[in-house]
Amino acid sequence: MTIAKDFTLAELIIVAAAEAWRGDGELFVTGIGPVPRIAAGLAKMTFAPGLQLTDGEAFLVETPVPLGPRGDFKPRYSGWMPYSRVFDSVWSGQRHAMVTPVQVDRYGQANISALGPDFRKPKVQMLGVRGFPGNSICHKNSMFLPNHNKRTFVEGEVDVVASVGFNPKNWPEGVKPAADLGLIVTDLCVFDFNGPDHAAQVLSLHPGVTFEQVQEATGFPLLRAAGMKVTEAPTEEQLAIIRILDPHGVRTTVLKGNPPGIRAAA
């Protein structure tokens, strides 16, 4: 495979996010938002053919459905996936979603509900907790956050604990926190919560980004994972698949420009 010399930040992150599903086998997968959705499709079309994706309605597809107007594209259906089967997958742990919360804290808890110290009078009202509580208990979740800063990765606890993490005070007495978190992918790095006592540890830094920059943009302490590296560049083959999955360039509206350490080709 040929390593690409010219790629965007969005493409780098899509390739990094696809790694969240490596080794998952046959699971129902949901990528929430354009970048996670493209990443899930990339994973299925390269190293994880067993992943189960839907057309966004009620059918499973073997070829991921491209974003935006489909033109002559016709989905190739392989099964029926109504809500009842979706929930069967969720409750039984046979799902791995990549979610897009607004806040995350040092415990891996996430918020999509509201912002502000008083839940009864929020400064910003968002989605409500929706399915986050049950989903975070029942199955694995990875996360994508496009703006890595201290408003996103907060110093204290998230304003509303919409999905569970590893804060022992929020679990019943005697119950060990049992959240299942995968990769956390941002515009600066990739990390997880697999450090000692579920501490956040940086797995890779995007080209041109330093660990100190990431720590400065994070409201809680980070560790350097053993073998911390530079996030791997896309291959030309991966870029070709990404263009098929996103023919209208929706990814560039989510994340603009190139990684700090990569110059665009002349």
Protein backbone atom coordinates (compact mmCIF):
# COMPACT_ATOMS: atom_id res chain seq x y z
CA MET A 1 0.00 0.00 0.00
CA THR A 2 1.19 3.50 -0.85
CA ILE A 3 1.26 6.10 1.92
CA ALA A 4 -0.41 9.33 0.79
CA LYS A 5 1.70 12.47 0.75
CA ASP A 6 -1.22 14.89 0.49
CA PHE A 7 -4.26 14.46 2.70
CA THR A 8 -6.58 16.56 4.82
CA LEU A 9 -7.08 16.57 8.57
CA ALA A 10 -10.54 15.06 8.00
CA GLU A 11 -9.06 12.16 6.07
CA LEU A 12 -6.38 11.54 8.69
CA ILE A 13 -9.05 11.44 11.40
CA ILE A 14 -11.38 9.16 9.42
CA VAL A 15 -8.59 6.62 9.05
CA ALA A 16 -7.72 6.89 12.75
CA ALA A 17 -11.38 6.58 13.76
CA ALA A 18 -11.86 3.47 11.63
CA GLU A 19 -9.36 1.72 13.90
CA ALA A 20 -11.94 1.84 16.70
CA TRP A 21 -13.64 -1.20 15.12
CA ARG A 22 -10.54 -3.30 14.45
CA GLY A 23 -11.00 -6.76 15.90
CA ASP A 24 -14.71 -6.32 16.64
CA GLY A 25 -15.85 -9.18 14.41
CA GLU A 26 -19.55 -9.28 13.56
CA LEU A 27 -21.19 -6.35 15.36
CA PHE A 28 -23.87 -3.81 14.62
CA VAL A 29 -22.07 -0.50 14.06
CA THR A 30 -23.34 3.07 14.23
CA GLY A 31 -21.23 6.08 13.29
CA ILE A 32 -23.06 9.18 14.52
CA GLY A 33 -22.20 12.12 12.29
CA PRO A 34 -20.44 12.32 8.92
CA VAL A 35 -16.87 11.55 10.05
CA PRO A 36 -17.76 8.51 12.22
CA ARG A 37 -20.10 7.23 9.51
CA ILE A 38 -17.39 7.41 6.84
CA ALA A 39 -14.94 5.81 9.27
CA ALA A 40 -17.30 2.88 9.91
CA GLY A 41 -17.72 2.38 6.16
CA LEU A 42 -13.96 2.50 5.65
CA ALA A 43 -13.44 -0.13 8.34
CA LYS A 44 -15.99 -2.45 6.73
CA MET A 45 -14.52 -2.04 3.25
CA THR A 46 -10.94 -2.70 4.36
CA PHE A 47 -10.20 -4.79 7.46
CA ALA A 48 -13.58 -5.49 9.12
CA PRO A 49 -16.01 -7.05 6.61
CA GLY A 50 -18.15 -8.54 9.38
CA LEU A 51 -19.39 -5.17 10.62
CA GLN A 52 -23.13 -4.71 10.18
CA LEU A 53 -24.15 -1.32 8.76
CA THR A 54 -27.60 -0.06 7.80
CA ASP A 55 -28.85 2.19 5.04
CA GLY A 56 -30.00 4.63 7.73
CA GLU A 57 -33.53 3.26 7.62
CA ALA A 58 -34.40 -0.40 8.16
CA PHE A 59 -32.06 -2.54 6.05
CA LEU A 60 -28.55 -3.91 6.43
CA VAL A 61 -26.16 -3.20 3.57
CA GLU A 62 -22.92 -4.89 2.50
CA THR A 63 -21.69 -1.79 0.66
CA PRO A 64 -21.86 1.36 2.83
CA VAL A 65 -24.26 4.00 1.53
CA PRO A 66 -22.39 7.17 0.40
CA LEU A 67 -23.16 10.51 2.03
CA GLY A 68 -25.30 13.03 0.17
CA PRO A 69 -27.13 12.60 -3.16
CA ARG A 70 -26.64 9.03 -4.34
CA GLY A 71 -26.99 9.42 -8.11
CA ASP A 72 -27.02 5.96 -9.68
CA PHE A 73 -25.95 4.22 -6.47
CA LYS A 74 -28.34 1.46 -5.41
CA PRO A 75 -27.89 -0.13 -1.98
CA ARG A 76 -27.26 -3.88 -1.90
CA TYR A 77 -29.45 -5.12 0.91
CA SER A 78 -28.47 -8.14 2.98
CA GLY A 79 -31.00 -8.15 5.79
CA TRP A 80 -33.81 -6.44 7.66
CA MET A 81 -32.91 -4.22 10.62
CA PRO A 82 -36.04 -2.58 12.08
CA TYR A 83 -35.97 -0.87 15.48
CA SER A 84 -36.83 -4.09 17.29
CA ARG A 85 -33.65 -5.76 16.00
CA VAL A 86 -31.62 -2.62 16.65
CA PHE A 87 -32.64 -2.70 20.31
CA ASP A 88 -31.98 -6.43 20.50
CA SER A 89 -28.41 -5.66 19.38
CA VAL A 90 -28.08 -2.75 21.83
CA TRP A 91 -29.36 -4.61 24.89
CA SER A 92 -27.29 -7.71 24.19
CA GLY A 93 -24.06 -5.74 23.79
CA GLN A 94 -23.73 -6.51 20.08
CA ARG A 95 -23.20 -2.91 19.07
CA HIS A 96 -20.26 -0.52 18.92
CA ALA A 97 -21.18 3.11 18.28
CA MET A 98 -18.99 6.14 17.71
CA VAL A 99 -20.76 9.02 19.43
CA THR A 100 -20.24 12.78 19.33
CA PRO A 101 -20.77 14.30 22.79
CA VAL A 102 -20.37 17.97 23.66
CA GLN A 103 -18.49 17.42 26.93
CA VAL A 104 -16.25 14.63 28.26
CA ASP A 105 -14.58 14.49 31.67
CA ARG A 106 -11.66 12.64 33.27
CA TYR A 107 -13.94 9.70 34.07
CA GLY A 108 -15.01 9.19 30.46
CA GLN A 109 -18.49 10.48 31.25
CA ALA A 110 -20.13 12.36 28.39
CA ASN A 111 -22.83 15.00 28.01
CA ILE A 112 -25.26 15.68 25.15
CA SER A 113 -28.07 17.08 27.30
CA ALA A 114 -27.54 20.61 28.60
CA LEU A 115 -24.84 23.09 29.59
CA GLY A 116 -24.66 25.08 32.80
CA PRO A 117 -24.44 24.42 36.55
CA ASP A 118 -28.23 24.39 37.11
CA PHE A 119 -30.01 21.64 35.18
CA ARG A 120 -33.36 23.31 35.89
CA LYS A 121 -32.17 26.52 34.19
CA PRO A 122 -29.54 25.47 31.64
CA LYS A 123 -27.47 28.03 29.78
CA VAL A 124 -27.81 25.87 26.68
CA GLN A 125 -30.49 23.22 26.18
CA MET A 126 -29.43 20.44 23.82
CA LEU A 127 -30.79 16.98 23.00
CA GLY A 128 -31.56 15.60 26.42
CA VAL A 129 -29.90 12.34 27.45
CA ARG A 130 -31.81 10.32 24.81
CA GLY A 131 -30.43 6.77 24.62
CA PHE A 132 -27.02 7.59 26.09
CA PRO A 133 -27.53 6.12 29.60
CA GLY A 134 -28.68 2.69 28.46
CA ASN A 135 -26.37 2.52 25.47
CA SER A 136 -23.31 3.35 27.56
CA ILE A 137 -24.13 0.56 30.00
CA CYS A 138 -25.10 -2.04 27.40
CA HIS A 139 -22.42 -1.76 24.72
CA LYS A 140 -19.08 -0.31 23.69
CA ASN A 141 -18.80 3.31 22.61
CA SER A 142 -15.99 5.25 20.99
CA MET A 143 -16.08 9.03 20.57
CA PHE A 144 -15.27 11.69 18.00
CA LEU A 145 -14.85 15.32 19.09
CA PRO A 146 -13.77 17.75 16.36
CA ASN A 147 -12.70 20.60 18.67
CA HIS A 148 -10.20 19.56 21.34
CA ASN A 149 -10.31 22.24 24.02
CA LYS A 150 -11.11 22.71 27.72
CA ARG A 151 -14.76 23.47 27.01
CA THR A 152 -15.06 19.99 25.50
CA PHE A 153 -12.68 18.08 27.80
CA VAL A 154 -13.74 19.74 31.03
CA GLU A 155 -11.81 20.22 34.26
CA GLY A 156 -14.47 18.90 36.62
CA GLU A 157 -17.41 16.65 35.95
CA VAL A 158 -19.57 17.12 32.85
CA ASP A 159 -22.60 19.33 33.46
CA VAL A 160 -24.99 16.41 32.85
CA VAL A 161 -23.84 12.80 33.06
CA ALA A 162 -25.67 11.52 30.00
CA SER A 163 -23.47 8.46 29.49
CA VAL A 164 -21.67 6.49 32.16
CA GLY A 165 -17.95 6.43 32.77
CA PHE A 166 -15.61 5.36 35.54
CA ASN A 167 -16.58 7.76 38.33
CA PRO A 168 -17.24 5.41 41.29
CA LYS A 169 -19.56 7.88 43.03
CA ASN A 170 -22.08 7.52 40.21
CA TRP A 171 -22.31 3.73 40.52
CA PRO A 172 -24.23 1.82 43.23
CA GLU A 173 -22.20 0.96 46.31
CA GLY A 174 -20.16 -2.16 45.76
CA VAL A 175 -20.56 -2.11 41.98
CA LYS A 176 -17.38 -1.70 39.97
CA PRO A 177 -17.74 0.87 37.15
CA ALA A 178 -18.32 -1.15 33.99
CA ALA A 179 -18.24 1.36 31.16
CA ASP A 180 -16.80 0.08 27.87
CA LEU A 181 -15.01 2.91 26.08
CA GLY A 182 -13.00 2.52 22.92
CA LEU A 183 -11.02 5.19 21.10
CA ILE A 184 -11.46 8.93 21.65
CA VAL A 185 -10.55 10.68 18.39
CA THR A 186 -10.10 14.47 18.19
CA ASP A 187 -8.58 17.03 15.87
CA LEU A 188 -5.34 16.82 17.91
CA CYS A 189 -4.85 13.20 18.93
CA VAL A 190 -6.22 9.75 19.68
CA PHE A 191 -6.55 8.58 23.29
CA ASP A 192 -8.38 6.10 25.46
CA PHE A 193 -9.24 5.54 29.12
CA ASN A 194 -7.15 2.41 29.55
CA GLY A 195 -4.43 3.92 31.72
CA PRO A 196 -4.00 3.03 35.42
CA ASP A 197 -7.39 3.33 37.17
CA HIS A 198 -8.92 4.24 33.79
CA ALA A 199 -6.80 7.36 33.38
CA ALA A 200 -6.83 9.00 29.96
CA GLN A 201 -3.73 8.14 27.95
CA VAL A 202 -2.66 9.53 24.58
CA LEU A 203 -2.07 6.81 22.00
CA SER A 204 -1.08 8.98 19.06
CA LEU A 205 -0.52 12.64 18.21
CA HIS A 206 -1.55 14.00 14.85
CA PRO A 207 1.36 15.22 12.67
CA GLY A 208 2.75 18.51 13.96
CA VAL A 209 0.99 18.29 17.36
CA THR A 210 2.91 17.92 20.63
CA PHE A 211 1.82 16.22 23.84
CA GLU A 212 2.16 19.56 25.64
CA GLN A 213 -0.30 21.17 23.22
CA VAL A 214 -2.83 18.42 23.84
CA GLN A 215 -2.42 18.67 27.62
CA GLU A 216 -2.86 22.45 27.49
CA ALA A 217 -6.13 21.96 25.60
CA THR A 218 -7.45 19.38 28.11
CA GLY A 219 -9.06 20.12 31.47
CA PHE A 220 -7.74 16.98 33.16
CA PRO A 221 -4.36 15.22 33.34
CA LEU A 222 -3.27 13.01 30.44
CA LEU A 223 -0.71 10.22 30.36
CA ARG A 224 1.63 9.26 27.57
CA ALA A 225 0.73 5.72 26.57
CA ALA A 226 3.55 3.24 26.16
CA GLY A 227 4.49 3.42 22.50
CA MET A 228 2.77 6.76 21.92
CA LYS A 229 3.31 7.60 18.26
CA VAL A 230 2.35 9.91 15.43
CA THR A 231 -1.09 9.12 13.98
CA GLU A 232 -0.59 7.07 10.86
CA ALA A 233 -1.09 8.79 7.51
CA PRO A 234 -3.77 7.46 5.15
CA THR A 235 -2.82 5.28 2.24
CA GLU A 236 -3.80 6.14 -1.31
CA GLU A 237 -6.10 3.12 -1.24
CA GLN A 238 -7.89 4.41 1.87
CA LEU A 239 -8.28 7.87 0.35
CA ALA A 240 -9.88 6.32 -2.74
CA ILE A 241 -12.46 4.55 -0.56
CA ILE A 242 -13.14 7.71 1.45
CA ARG A 243 -13.90 9.58 -1.79
CA ILE A 244 -16.36 6.86 -2.78
CA LEU A 245 -18.07 7.03 0.63
CA ASP A 246 -18.12 10.85 0.62
CA PRO A 247 -18.31 11.91 -3.04
CA HIS A 248 -19.56 15.42 -2.21
CA GLY A 249 -16.83 16.28 0.31
CA VAL A 250 -19.07 16.53 3.37
CA ARG A 251 -16.02 15.67 5.50
CA THR A 252 -14.41 19.00 4.63
CA THR A 253 -17.31 20.89 6.20
CA VAL A 254 -16.67 19.15 9.53
CA LEU A 255 -12.89 19.45 9.63
CA LYS A 256 -11.14 21.98 7.43
CA GLY A 257 -7.55 22.14 6.23
CA ASN A 258 -4.53 19.90 6.63
CA PRO A 259 -2.85 18.53 9.75
CA PRO A 260 -0.38 21.07 11.20
CA GLY A 261 2.58 18.93 10.18
CA ILE A 262 1.43 18.26 6.62
CA ARG A 263 1.65 20.72 3.76
CA ALA A 264 -0.84 20.48 0.95
CA ALA A 265 0.67 19.48 -2.39
CA ALA A 266 1.41 22.36 -4.72
